[in-house]
Amino acid sequence: MRYGKFLGSIGVIAALVLGGCSKEEAAAPKADPAAGAGQPAQMERYQEGREYSRLPKRIGGEPEAGKLEIVEFFFYKCPHCYRLQKPLGEWVGSMGPRVKRTIRPAVFSERWEPMAKAFHAMEAAGFDEGLHQAIFREIHEKGVDLDEAGKLFALVERVKGPAYRDAFEKAYGSPKMAELIRQDAEAGKAAMLEGTPTVIVNGVFTLNSATAGGEDQMVPVLSFLAQKAMMGQLR
């Protein structure tokens, strides 16, 4: 799998080795949630321009001092995104209020839209982490194609019940969905997004499994950036 031009000189070979879901394609081992916390060696190991990069323009406002804001761009059908869920969730939980996590679907083309709609319909009906993870499992563990709305709605009802399904289905078919999808696509362009999973840190720094040095390094790199943010060194 390749990330395209986003990888720059790393190229297609590195992307094949390290993984990720690109615009053309529709996958992260466990990482220690506290990996490297407080380890001086990390300060030398992870470098801007190598494990993570700086966007040319900040996305969003200035984060609160000493806090870390991350935006996770994902795709339900991306196996890398699926396998990143547990280690990333555990790490965010371990950080408590010091880290604010926002989840956003990536949209590169029409074929990415059904899963983005599923996420936004869940938000409209009331975001539910259990359902969020159930969608991932249905796709990656059972091989169900949830682009088929009927199968998606059946899963929603199994997990959350008929009342929630009604609200979900209504939101899924809402005319407002087109604008949400357009906003997702624009957000991806602003973030110079080329694949999933990609995490944007404090609206300025970006990393993915390839730049981080492998999928198992995404959480450690985030831990390193969080440490810098707490010390006021992440600008």
Protein backbone atom coordinates (compact mmCIF):
# COMPACT_ATOMS: atom_id res chain seq x y z
CA MET A 1 0.00 0.00 0.00
CA ARG A 2 1.28 3.52 -0.69
CA TYR A 3 0.67 6.99 0.68
CA GLY A 4 1.55 8.73 -2.60
CA LYS A 5 3.32 12.06 -2.69
CA PHE A 6 2.82 12.56 1.06
CA LEU A 7 5.75 10.19 1.65
CA GLY A 8 8.06 12.33 -0.46
CA SER A 9 11.41 10.66 -0.84
CA ILE A 10 10.36 7.66 1.24
CA GLY A 11 8.48 6.48 -1.83
CA VAL A 12 6.32 3.52 -2.65
CA ILE A 13 8.72 0.90 -1.24
CA ALA A 14 8.59 2.31 2.28
CA ALA A 15 4.81 2.55 2.12
CA LEU A 16 4.57 -1.10 1.14
CA VAL A 17 6.71 -2.04 4.12
CA LEU A 18 5.11 0.19 6.73
CA GLY A 19 1.50 0.20 5.57
CA GLY A 20 -1.49 2.51 5.47
CA CYS A 21 -4.65 2.99 3.41
CA SER A 22 -4.18 5.48 0.59
CA LYS A 23 -6.55 7.35 -1.69
CA GLU A 24 -6.40 4.45 -4.12
CA GLU A 25 -6.86 1.69 -1.53
CA ALA A 26 -9.51 0.85 0.88
CA ALA A 27 -3.57 -2.82 9.87
CA ALA A 28 -1.63 -1.24 13.52
CA PRO A 29 0.02 -3.61 16.04
CA LYS A 30 -0.35 -2.96 19.73
CA ALA A 31 1.77 -0.25 21.23
CA ASP A 32 2.45 0.42 24.88
CA PRO A 33 0.16 3.34 25.87
CA ALA A 34 2.92 4.73 28.07
CA ALA A 35 5.74 3.85 25.71
CA GLY A 36 8.72 6.11 26.16
CA ALA A 37 6.98 8.44 28.63
CA GLY A 38 9.69 10.45 30.32
CA GLN A 39 12.52 8.71 28.44
CA PRO A 40 15.26 11.20 27.50
CA ALA A 41 16.31 8.96 24.61
CA GLN A 42 13.03 9.78 22.91
CA MET A 43 13.97 13.44 22.75
CA GLU A 44 16.72 12.46 20.34
CA ARG A 45 15.00 9.56 18.63
CA TYR A 46 11.93 11.33 17.19
CA GLN A 47 12.64 14.29 14.97
CA GLU A 48 10.52 16.76 13.05
CA GLY A 49 10.77 16.05 9.36
CA ARG A 50 11.34 12.36 9.95
CA GLU A 51 8.87 10.67 12.33
CA TYR A 52 6.47 13.62 12.14
CA SER A 53 6.16 16.66 9.90
CA ARG A 54 4.97 20.24 10.17
CA LEU A 55 2.04 21.43 8.09
CA PRO A 56 2.62 24.70 6.22
CA LYS A 57 -0.47 26.23 7.81
CA ARG A 58 -2.10 25.60 11.20
CA ILE A 59 -5.50 23.91 11.16
CA GLY A 60 -7.89 25.35 13.73
CA GLY A 61 -7.05 27.60 16.64
CA GLU A 62 -4.16 27.70 19.08
CA PRO A 63 -4.42 24.84 21.61
CA GLU A 64 -4.51 25.52 25.33
CA ALA A 65 -1.05 25.73 26.90
CA GLY A 66 0.21 22.38 28.13
CA LYS A 67 -2.51 20.46 26.30
CA LEU A 68 -2.46 18.20 23.28
CA GLU A 69 -5.21 18.20 20.68
CA ILE A 70 -5.20 15.36 18.17
CA VAL A 71 -7.38 14.81 15.12
CA GLU A 72 -7.50 11.21 13.94
CA PHE A 73 -8.40 10.79 10.27
CA PHE A 74 -9.66 7.27 9.69
CA PHE A 75 -11.56 4.98 7.32
CA TYR A 76 -13.69 2.15 8.69
CA LYS A 77 -12.46 -0.20 5.96
CA CYS A 78 -8.79 0.50 6.64
CA PRO A 79 -7.24 -2.42 8.56
CA HIS A 80 -4.49 -0.15 9.88
CA CYS A 81 -7.11 2.15 11.39
CA TYR A 82 -8.85 -0.84 12.95
CA ARG A 83 -5.74 -2.17 14.63
CA LEU A 84 -4.75 1.29 15.83
CA GLN A 85 -8.01 1.71 17.77
CA LYS A 86 -7.04 -0.17 20.93
CA PRO A 87 -3.52 1.22 21.53
CA LEU A 88 -4.56 4.75 20.62
CA GLY A 89 -7.69 4.58 22.78
CA GLU A 90 -5.72 3.22 25.73
CA TRP A 91 -3.12 5.94 25.37
CA VAL A 92 -5.71 8.72 25.17
CA GLY A 93 -7.42 7.26 28.24
CA SER A 94 -4.14 7.17 30.14
CA MET A 95 -3.53 10.85 29.39
CA GLY A 96 -6.88 12.00 30.77
CA PRO A 97 -7.85 15.65 30.26
CA ARG A 98 -4.40 16.54 28.98
CA VAL A 99 -5.34 15.18 25.56
CA LYS A 100 -8.38 16.06 23.47
CA ARG A 101 -9.11 13.55 20.70
CA THR A 102 -11.28 14.30 17.69
CA ILE A 103 -12.20 11.54 15.26
CA ARG A 104 -12.86 12.44 11.64
CA PRO A 105 -13.56 10.26 8.60
CA ALA A 106 -11.30 10.65 5.59
CA VAL A 107 -13.02 11.14 2.23
CA PHE A 108 -10.97 10.92 -0.95
CA SER A 109 -13.62 9.77 -3.40
CA GLU A 110 -17.22 8.60 -3.63
CA ARG A 111 -16.33 5.10 -2.51
CA TRP A 112 -15.17 6.50 0.85
CA GLU A 113 -18.48 8.27 1.40
CA PRO A 114 -20.75 5.47 2.75
CA MET A 115 -18.48 4.86 5.74
CA ALA A 116 -18.14 8.58 6.39
CA LYS A 117 -21.93 8.80 6.35
CA ALA A 118 -22.08 5.96 8.87
CA PHE A 119 -19.86 7.92 11.26
CA HIS A 120 -21.84 11.15 10.89
CA ALA A 121 -25.15 9.30 11.30
CA MET A 122 -23.82 7.86 14.54
CA GLU A 123 -22.80 11.32 15.71
CA ALA A 124 -26.29 12.64 14.93
CA ALA A 125 -27.95 9.77 16.79
CA GLY A 126 -25.53 10.11 19.69
CA PHE A 127 -21.92 8.99 19.37
CA ASP A 128 -21.38 5.56 20.85
CA GLU A 129 -17.90 4.08 21.24
CA GLY A 130 -19.32 0.57 21.36
CA LEU A 131 -21.02 1.00 18.00
CA HIS A 132 -17.94 2.70 16.57
CA GLN A 133 -15.86 -0.37 17.41
CA ALA A 134 -18.63 -2.76 16.33
CA ILE A 135 -18.56 -1.27 12.83
CA PHE A 136 -14.82 -1.89 12.64
CA ARG A 137 -15.24 -5.49 13.87
CA GLU A 138 -18.10 -6.26 11.50
CA ILE A 139 -15.91 -5.26 8.57
CA HIS A 140 -12.55 -6.68 9.62
CA GLU A 141 -13.51 -9.73 11.65
CA LYS A 142 -16.65 -10.85 9.84
CA GLY A 143 -15.97 -9.49 6.36
CA VAL A 144 -19.34 -7.74 6.06
CA ASP A 145 -19.62 -4.97 3.47
CA LEU A 146 -21.33 -2.17 5.39
CA ASP A 147 -21.50 0.01 2.29
CA GLU A 148 -24.81 -1.84 1.93
CA ALA A 149 -27.12 0.34 3.99
CA GLY A 150 -29.41 -2.52 4.98
CA LYS A 151 -26.55 -4.45 6.57
CA LEU A 152 -25.32 -1.32 8.32
CA PHE A 153 -28.77 -0.54 9.75
CA ALA A 154 -29.18 -4.14 10.91
CA LEU A 155 -25.89 -3.93 12.79
CA VAL A 156 -26.90 -0.63 14.38
CA GLU A 157 -30.15 -2.13 15.60
CA ARG A 158 -28.38 -5.20 17.01
CA VAL A 159 -25.98 -3.04 18.96
CA LYS A 160 -28.19 -0.11 19.98
CA GLY A 161 -31.82 -1.12 19.50
CA PRO A 162 -34.66 -0.05 17.18
CA ALA A 163 -35.10 3.51 18.49
CA TYR A 164 -31.44 4.33 17.91
CA ARG A 165 -31.58 2.65 14.51
CA ASP A 166 -34.47 4.93 13.49
CA ALA A 167 -32.50 8.04 14.45
CA PHE A 168 -29.39 6.68 12.74
CA GLU A 169 -31.22 5.79 9.53
CA LYS A 170 -32.91 9.19 9.40
CA ALA A 171 -29.57 10.98 9.77
CA TYR A 172 -27.90 8.68 7.22
CA GLY A 173 -30.42 9.72 4.58
CA SER A 174 -30.52 13.39 5.52
CA PRO A 175 -29.82 16.02 2.82
CA LYS A 176 -27.38 17.57 5.31
CA MET A 177 -25.07 14.61 4.84
CA ALA A 178 -23.71 15.94 1.54
CA GLU A 179 -22.39 19.06 3.27
CA LEU A 180 -20.74 17.01 6.03
CA ILE A 181 -19.01 14.85 3.42
CA ARG A 182 -17.83 17.98 1.59
CA GLN A 183 -16.40 19.31 4.86
CA ASP A 184 -14.58 16.03 5.46
CA ALA A 185 -12.98 16.22 2.03
CA GLU A 186 -11.95 19.84 2.58
CA ALA A 187 -10.52 19.03 6.01
CA GLY A 188 -8.43 16.29 4.45
CA LYS A 189 -7.06 18.68 1.86
CA ALA A 190 -6.19 21.24 4.53
CA ALA A 191 -4.35 18.52 6.44
CA MET A 192 -2.55 17.46 3.25
CA LEU A 193 -3.99 14.03 3.89
CA GLU A 194 -2.76 11.22 1.68
CA GLY A 195 -3.78 8.11 3.61
CA THR A 196 -5.16 6.63 6.80
CA PRO A 197 -4.59 6.47 9.66
CA THR A 198 -3.18 9.99 9.96
CA VAL A 199 -3.04 11.96 13.19
CA ILE A 200 -2.78 15.76 13.29
CA VAL A 201 -1.28 17.13 16.51
CA ASN A 202 -2.15 20.63 17.77
CA GLY A 203 -3.23 21.57 14.27
CA VAL A 204 0.37 21.72 13.09
CA PHE A 205 2.14 18.36 13.19
CA THR A 206 1.18 15.28 11.21
CA LEU A 207 2.21 11.65 11.43
CA ASN A 208 1.18 8.30 10.03
CA SER A 209 2.47 4.75 10.22
CA ALA A 210 5.06 5.36 7.50
CA THR A 211 6.56 8.57 8.87
CA ALA A 212 6.46 7.27 12.45
CA GLY A 213 8.68 4.34 11.45
CA GLY A 214 6.02 1.67 11.56
CA GLU A 215 2.52 1.26 12.91
CA ASP A 216 3.80 0.23 16.31
CA GLN A 217 5.53 3.60 16.62
CA MET A 218 2.52 5.89 16.19
CA VAL A 219 1.55 5.92 19.86
CA PRO A 220 5.14 6.30 21.11
CA VAL A 221 5.60 9.28 18.78
CA LEU A 222 2.36 10.78 20.09
CA SER A 223 3.60 10.20 23.65
CA PHE A 224 6.79 12.04 22.76
CA LEU A 225 4.86 14.97 21.27
CA ALA A 226 2.59 15.07 24.33
CA GLN A 227 5.64 15.30 26.57
CA LYS A 228 6.92 18.24 24.54
CA ALA A 229 3.51 19.92 24.69
CA MET A 230 3.35 19.60 28.49
CA MET A 231 6.74 21.29 28.71
CA GLY A 232 5.64 24.06 26.34
CA GLN A 233 8.13 22.95 23.70
CA LEU A 234 5.65 22.06 20.94
CA ARG A 235 5.29 25.12 18.75
